[in-house]
């Protein structure tokens, strides 16, 4: 295939953009293995001391445990609610119900700082500041758009006639969904769950506003630590979070490949 100048320019632009996005990772990962007391690039020596510092610190471990609880809980809740919402949006012919999709996807388009301020003001009135329940609910709201978008894609590829046949044979809507619909859209549901998990694990801005005390997330503690002292422990944690996110992306790619 002959390459035109426009094609070559596009490919060069894409390569430059990808390099620009990956440069921070290429810098942070080596610094996490540095033997220096402070962040330095290139590292003067190699060591695992900062990973040991992270794993051996009770404060970091408590924050990690809180983040994992929030990520797992919020992603599962968002999956249940988001899947039900996507099913309703796909089945309904009402214009008002379809307009509801815009409202449900607002967390994707509204600046996260505005969302954080709004959540903080509401939580201050109802007493959910620095609570595990409040953090989970906030991340459910942020993760639902990913689940809804992913599940809607799966439902658009699904033949609704199969569900109608199942119901005509005596199944109620609930049983027909779990027996006929859900097995065929499972890859889309899993993809939405993984996206919601990554979103909750990496969320920082809302956590800065509403987390604290014993319920401080890992990202909030990282932000606080950066104000006091910049040490390579932050680079080690960032590398681990990046690795987890990368693993989730691989799982989503394998899931998509399996569904095809």
Foldseek 3Di string as FASTA:
>chain_A
DDDDPVNVVVVVVVVVVVCVVCVVVVQLVCQLQAPDFFRDPPHPDGHNVLVVVQVVDPVNVLQAVLLQVLLLLLLVVLLVVLLVLLVCCVPDPDPVSVVVLCVLQVLVPDPVLVVLVVLLVVCVVVVQFAHSVSLNVSLNSNLNNLLSVLLNVQVVPDDCVQLVVVVVVPDDNVVSCVPPPCVLSVLSSLLSSLSSSLCSSPDANSLCRGHDDSNRHNNNVLVVVVVPGGGSSSSNVVSVSVVSNVVSVVVNVVSVVVSD
